[in-house]
Amino acid sequence: MTWDILLGCVVIILARIGDVSLGTMRTVAVVSGHRGLAWLFGLLEMTIWVFAVSAVIAHIRAEPVYGLAFALGAATGNYVGVTVQRWLPFGEQVVRIFTREGAPLFERLRAEGYGVTKFHGEGRDGAVTMLFVQVGRARTRHIVRTAREIDPQCFYTIDDIRLASAAGPGV
């Protein structure tokens, strides 16, 4: 394999990592309702994809390794895209915490300025408190760390919120 072919493969791999990662971010933007970001990510994604696929098609007969580079970049792009998606600052999430330490955790989160809703329930092993916390994606880890600090045995779930409505006119 010549240096030109190796360089071509590296460029194709990097391009595919870029366009597949952008595709992941575009999907998150669409689901979150960020139309402008979805448009921008889609534009960049498709621009990169067109150039990458045209380079592969132009050279695939002479150098089949370009096809492998294309596939390797796509697979790696999925991994990178999901990883990057976790760091995106936009989007709201709801953290549901099931705990036996509901009162202190509720008070701590309220004192830190979070909107928390508390429910009392009965679990397999007795009384539990369920806390709902709506928070920006960037603050989710803090909520989980705080919950684990107060109750290392707590159970939690995290879901993305596409739309939330407060009292007032509907959507």
C-alpha atoms as a PDB file:
ATOM      1  CA  MET A   1       0.000   0.000   0.000  1.00  0.00           C
ATOM      2  CA  THR A   2       1.422   3.371  -1.008  1.00  0.00           C
ATOM      3  CA  TRP A   3       1.427   6.471   1.152  1.00  0.00           C
ATOM      4  CA  ASP A   4      -1.184   8.050  -1.136  1.00  0.00           C
ATOM      5  CA  ILE A   5      -3.575   5.155  -0.617  1.00  0.00           C
ATOM      6  CA  LEU A   6      -2.937   5.128   3.132  1.00  0.00           C
ATOM      7  CA  LEU A   7      -3.551   8.876   3.330  1.00  0.00           C
ATOM      8  CA  GLY A   8      -6.728   8.471   1.263  1.00  0.00           C
ATOM      9  CA  CYS A   9      -7.976   5.771   3.654  1.00  0.00           C
ATOM     10  CA  VAL A  10      -7.243   7.948   6.688  1.00  0.00           C
ATOM     11  CA  VAL A  11      -9.118  10.873   5.131  1.00  0.00           C
ATOM     12  CA  ILE A  12     -12.104   8.638   4.327  1.00  0.00           C
ATOM     13  CA  ILE A  13     -12.128   7.187   7.855  1.00  0.00           C
ATOM     14  CA  LEU A  14     -12.010  10.669   9.408  1.00  0.00           C
ATOM     15  CA  ALA A  15     -14.698  11.954   7.043  1.00  0.00           C
ATOM     16  CA  ARG A  16     -16.993   9.046   7.940  1.00  0.00           C
ATOM     17  CA  ILE A  17     -16.376   9.519  11.653  1.00  0.00           C
ATOM     18  CA  GLY A  18     -17.332  13.155  11.148  1.00  0.00           C
ATOM     19  CA  ASP A  19     -20.460  12.603   9.086  1.00  0.00           C
ATOM     20  CA  VAL A  20     -21.822   9.716  11.162  1.00  0.00           C
ATOM     21  CA  SER A  21     -21.162  11.652  14.386  1.00  0.00           C
ATOM     22  CA  LEU A  22     -22.950  14.661  12.913  1.00  0.00           C
ATOM     23  CA  GLY A  23     -25.824  12.358  11.983  1.00  0.00           C
ATOM     24  CA  THR A  24     -26.134  11.284  15.601  1.00  0.00           C
ATOM     25  CA  MET A  25     -26.120  14.889  16.772  1.00  0.00           C
ATOM     26  CA  ARG A  26     -28.652  15.796  14.073  1.00  0.00           C
ATOM     27  CA  THR A  27     -30.974  13.076  15.335  1.00  0.00           C
ATOM     28  CA  VAL A  28     -30.682  14.356  18.910  1.00  0.00           C
ATOM     29  CA  ALA A  29     -31.371  17.899  17.698  1.00  0.00           C
ATOM     30  CA  VAL A  30     -34.462  16.718  15.792  1.00  0.00           C
ATOM     31  CA  VAL A  31     -35.812  14.801  18.781  1.00  0.00           C
ATOM     32  CA  SER A  32     -35.113  17.772  21.074  1.00  0.00           C
ATOM     33  CA  GLY A  33     -36.911  20.145  18.710  1.00  0.00           C
ATOM     34  CA  HIS A  34     -33.831  22.199  17.785  1.00  0.00           C
ATOM     35  CA  ARG A  35     -34.669  22.740  14.127  1.00  0.00           C
ATOM     36  CA  GLY A  36     -31.836  25.156  13.371  1.00  0.00           C
ATOM     37  CA  LEU A  37     -29.168  22.866  14.804  1.00  0.00           C
ATOM     38  CA  ALA A  38     -30.732  19.866  13.061  1.00  0.00           C
ATOM     39  CA  TRP A  39     -30.527  21.767   9.767  1.00  0.00           C
ATOM     40  CA  LEU A  40     -26.901  22.759  10.336  1.00  0.00           C
ATOM     41  CA  PHE A  41     -25.827  19.272  11.414  1.00  0.00           C
ATOM     42  CA  GLY A  42     -27.658  17.757   8.432  1.00  0.00           C
ATOM     43  CA  LEU A  43     -26.007  20.172   5.999  1.00  0.00           C
ATOM     44  CA  LEU A  44     -22.532  19.408   7.322  1.00  0.00           C
ATOM     45  CA  GLU A  45     -23.235  15.677   7.539  1.00  0.00           C
ATOM     46  CA  MET A  46     -24.417  15.383   3.938  1.00  0.00           C
ATOM     47  CA  THR A  47     -21.638  17.603   2.572  1.00  0.00           C
ATOM     48  CA  ILE A  48     -18.989  15.396   4.150  1.00  0.00           C
ATOM     49  CA  TRP A  49     -20.828  12.224   3.116  1.00  0.00           C
ATOM     50  CA  VAL A  50     -21.070  13.246  -0.551  1.00  0.00           C
ATOM     51  CA  PHE A  51     -17.338  13.889  -0.779  1.00  0.00           C
ATOM     52  CA  ALA A  52     -16.429  10.715   1.117  1.00  0.00           C
ATOM     53  CA  VAL A  53     -18.696   8.455  -0.921  1.00  0.00           C
ATOM     54  CA  SER A  54     -17.588  10.006  -4.211  1.00  0.00           C
ATOM     55  CA  ALA A  55     -13.921   9.402  -3.292  1.00  0.00           C
ATOM     56  CA  VAL A  56     -14.688   5.760  -2.517  1.00  0.00           C
ATOM     57  CA  ILE A  57     -16.725   5.216  -5.690  1.00  0.00           C
ATOM     58  CA  ALA A  58     -14.015   6.839  -7.833  1.00  0.00           C
ATOM     59  CA  HIS A  59     -11.310   4.495  -6.474  1.00  0.00           C
ATOM     60  CA  ILE A  60     -13.079   1.329  -5.301  1.00  0.00           C
ATOM     61  CA  ARG A  61     -12.134  -0.834  -8.312  1.00  0.00           C
ATOM     62  CA  ALA A  62      -8.453  -0.025  -8.134  1.00  0.00           C
ATOM     63  CA  GLU A  63      -8.276   0.095  -4.337  1.00  0.00           C
ATOM     64  CA  PRO A  64     -10.946  -1.970  -2.530  1.00  0.00           C
ATOM     65  CA  VAL A  65      -9.334  -0.960   0.759  1.00  0.00           C
ATOM     66  CA  TYR A  66     -11.196   2.366   0.363  1.00  0.00           C
ATOM     67  CA  GLY A  67     -14.447   0.464   0.902  1.00  0.00           C
ATOM     68  CA  LEU A  68     -13.079  -0.993   4.114  1.00  0.00           C
ATOM     69  CA  ALA A  69     -11.962   2.469   5.233  1.00  0.00           C
ATOM     70  CA  PHE A  70     -15.470   3.745   4.517  1.00  0.00           C
ATOM     71  CA  ALA A  71     -17.013   0.987   6.667  1.00  0.00           C
ATOM     72  CA  LEU A  72     -14.447   1.399   9.448  1.00  0.00           C
ATOM     73  CA  GLY A  73     -15.110   5.131   9.588  1.00  0.00           C
ATOM     74  CA  ALA A  74     -18.889   4.572   9.728  1.00  0.00           C
ATOM     75  CA  ALA A  75     -18.621   2.058  12.556  1.00  0.00           C
ATOM     76  CA  THR A  76     -16.248   4.288  14.509  1.00  0.00           C
ATOM     77  CA  GLY A  77     -18.489   7.279  13.807  1.00  0.00           C
ATOM     78  CA  ASN A  78     -21.374   5.522  15.575  1.00  0.00           C
ATOM     79  CA  TYR A  79     -19.234   5.069  18.670  1.00  0.00           C
ATOM     80  CA  VAL A  80     -17.913   8.634  18.574  1.00  0.00           C
ATOM     81  CA  GLY A  81     -21.376  10.081  17.851  1.00  0.00           C
ATOM     82  CA  VAL A  82     -22.986   8.380  20.827  1.00  0.00           C
ATOM     83  CA  THR A  83     -20.089   9.496  23.031  1.00  0.00           C
ATOM     84  CA  VAL A  84     -20.294  13.113  21.816  1.00  0.00           C
ATOM     85  CA  GLN A  85     -24.089  13.095  22.202  1.00  0.00           C
ATOM     86  CA  ARG A  86     -23.653  12.612  25.952  1.00  0.00           C
ATOM     87  CA  TRP A  87     -21.704  15.880  26.107  1.00  0.00           C
ATOM     88  CA  LEU A  88     -24.183  17.983  24.158  1.00  0.00           C
ATOM     89  CA  PRO A  89     -25.405  20.793  26.371  1.00  0.00           C
ATOM     90  CA  PHE A  90     -28.867  21.117  24.883  1.00  0.00           C
ATOM     91  CA  GLY A  91     -31.911  19.200  25.893  1.00  0.00           C
ATOM     92  CA  GLU A  92     -33.831  18.619  29.070  1.00  0.00           C
ATOM     93  CA  GLN A  93     -33.960  15.400  31.016  1.00  0.00           C
ATOM     94  CA  VAL A  94     -36.030  14.041  33.841  1.00  0.00           C
ATOM     95  CA  VAL A  95     -34.265  12.133  36.589  1.00  0.00           C
ATOM     96  CA  ARG A  96     -36.484   9.815  38.641  1.00  0.00           C
ATOM     97  CA  ILE A  97     -34.884   8.803  41.901  1.00  0.00           C
ATOM     98  CA  PHE A  98     -36.284   6.029  44.101  1.00  0.00           C
ATOM     99  CA  THR A  99     -34.804   6.343  47.558  1.00  0.00           C
ATOM    100  CA  ARG A 100     -35.265   5.585  51.248  1.00  0.00           C
ATOM    101  CA  GLU A 101     -33.589   8.942  52.010  1.00  0.00           C
ATOM    102  CA  GLY A 102     -36.246  11.070  50.322  1.00  0.00           C
ATOM    103  CA  ALA A 103     -36.481  13.921  52.830  1.00  0.00           C
ATOM    104  CA  PRO A 104     -32.778  14.853  52.982  1.00  0.00           C
ATOM    105  CA  LEU A 105     -32.303  14.412  49.240  1.00  0.00           C
ATOM    106  CA  PHE A 106     -35.428  16.464  48.503  1.00  0.00           C
ATOM    107  CA  GLU A 107     -34.252  19.262  50.797  1.00  0.00           C
ATOM    108  CA  ARG A 108     -30.729  19.268  49.362  1.00  0.00           C
ATOM    109  CA  LEU A 109     -31.906  19.460  45.751  1.00  0.00           C
ATOM    110  CA  ARG A 110     -34.407  22.210  46.599  1.00  0.00           C
ATOM    111  CA  ALA A 111     -31.696  24.144  48.458  1.00  0.00           C
ATOM    112  CA  GLU A 112     -29.534  23.913  45.314  1.00  0.00           C
ATOM    113  CA  GLY A 113     -32.362  25.484  43.307  1.00  0.00           C
ATOM    114  CA  TYR A 114     -33.713  22.456  41.464  1.00  0.00           C
ATOM    115  CA  GLY A 115     -37.406  21.935  40.892  1.00  0.00           C
ATOM    116  CA  VAL A 116     -38.167  18.625  42.590  1.00  0.00           C
ATOM    117  CA  THR A 117     -41.465  16.807  42.951  1.00  0.00           C
ATOM    118  CA  LYS A 118     -41.757  14.227  45.714  1.00  0.00           C
ATOM    119  CA  PHE A 119     -44.019  11.169  45.805  1.00  0.00           C
ATOM    120  CA  HIS A 120     -44.345   8.618  48.566  1.00  0.00           C
ATOM    121  CA  GLY A 121     -44.736   4.992  47.653  1.00  0.00           C
ATOM    122  CA  GLU A 122     -44.329   1.429  48.697  1.00  0.00           C
ATOM    123  CA  GLY A 123     -41.595  -0.745  47.214  1.00  0.00           C
ATOM    124  CA  ARG A 124     -40.648  -4.388  47.562  1.00  0.00           C
ATOM    125  CA  ASP A 125     -38.843  -3.712  50.829  1.00  0.00           C
ATOM    126  CA  GLY A 126     -41.100  -1.014  52.287  1.00  0.00           C
ATOM    127  CA  ALA A 127     -41.620   2.715  52.059  1.00  0.00           C
ATOM    128  CA  VAL A 128     -39.757   4.661  49.379  1.00  0.00           C
ATOM    129  CA  THR A 129     -39.767   8.187  48.069  1.00  0.00           C
ATOM    130  CA  MET A 130     -39.723   8.917  44.366  1.00  0.00           C
ATOM    131  CA  LEU A 131     -38.295  12.257  43.319  1.00  0.00           C
ATOM    132  CA  PHE A 132     -38.795  13.776  39.859  1.00  0.00           C
ATOM    133  CA  VAL A 133     -36.207  16.354  38.835  1.00  0.00           C
ATOM    134  CA  GLN A 134     -36.383  18.121  35.464  1.00  0.00           C
ATOM    135  CA  VAL A 135     -32.939  19.403  34.609  1.00  0.00           C
ATOM    136  CA  GLY A 136     -30.802  20.478  31.678  1.00  0.00           C
ATOM    137  CA  ARG A 137     -28.666  17.654  30.299  1.00  0.00           C
ATOM    138  CA  ALA A 138     -25.473  19.312  31.529  1.00  0.00           C
ATOM    139  CA  ARG A 139     -26.680  19.117  35.165  1.00  0.00           C
ATOM    140  CA  THR A 140     -27.900  15.497  35.122  1.00  0.00           C
ATOM    141  CA  ARG A 141     -24.628  14.036  36.397  1.00  0.00           C
ATOM    142  CA  HIS A 142     -24.676  16.412  39.341  1.00  0.00           C
ATOM    143  CA  ILE A 143     -28.162  15.216  40.323  1.00  0.00           C
ATOM    144  CA  VAL A 144     -27.061  11.579  40.155  1.00  0.00           C
ATOM    145  CA  ARG A 145     -23.876  12.264  42.161  1.00  0.00           C
ATOM    146  CA  THR A 146     -25.873  14.091  44.816  1.00  0.00           C
ATOM    147  CA  ALA A 147     -28.421  11.279  45.018  1.00  0.00           C
ATOM    148  CA  ARG A 148     -25.662   8.643  45.358  1.00  0.00           C
ATOM    149  CA  GLU A 149     -23.904  10.758  47.981  1.00  0.00           C
ATOM    150  CA  ILE A 150     -27.005  10.883  50.165  1.00  0.00           C
ATOM    151  CA  ASP A 151     -28.283   7.369  49.359  1.00  0.00           C
ATOM    152  CA  PRO A 152     -25.717   5.042  47.756  1.00  0.00           C
ATOM    153  CA  GLN A 153     -28.476   2.416  47.380  1.00  0.00           C
ATOM    154  CA  CYS A 154     -30.877   4.626  45.454  1.00  0.00           C
ATOM    155  CA  PHE A 155     -32.254   3.602  42.076  1.00  0.00           C
ATOM    156  CA  TYR A 156     -32.644   6.171  39.320  1.00  0.00           C
ATOM    157  CA  THR A 157     -33.753   6.454  35.717  1.00  0.00           C
ATOM    158  CA  ILE A 158     -33.006   9.236  33.258  1.00  0.00           C
ATOM    159  CA  ASP A 159     -35.108  10.098  30.218  1.00  0.00           C
ATOM    160  CA  ASP A 160     -34.840  12.802  27.597  1.00  0.00           C
ATOM    161  CA  ILE A 161     -37.697  15.292  27.484  1.00  0.00           C
ATOM    162  CA  ARG A 162     -38.860  16.413  24.080  1.00  0.00           C
ATOM    163  CA  LEU A 163     -41.559  18.731  25.346  1.00  0.00           C
ATOM    164  CA  ALA A 164     -42.633  19.892  28.787  1.00  0.00           C
ATOM    165  CA  SER A 165     -45.540  22.129  29.601  1.00  0.00           C
ATOM    166  CA  ALA A 166     -46.051  24.336  32.622  1.00  0.00           C
ATOM    167  CA  ALA A 167     -49.357  25.912  33.559  1.00  0.00           C
ATOM    168  CA  GLY A 168     -50.483  28.145  30.770  1.00  0.00           C
ATOM    169  CA  PRO A 169     -51.352  27.942  27.093  1.00  0.00           C
ATOM    170  CA  GLY A 170     -50.783  24.598  25.408  1.00  0.00           C
ATOM    171  CA  VAL A 171     -48.535  23.876  22.485  1.00  0.00           C
END
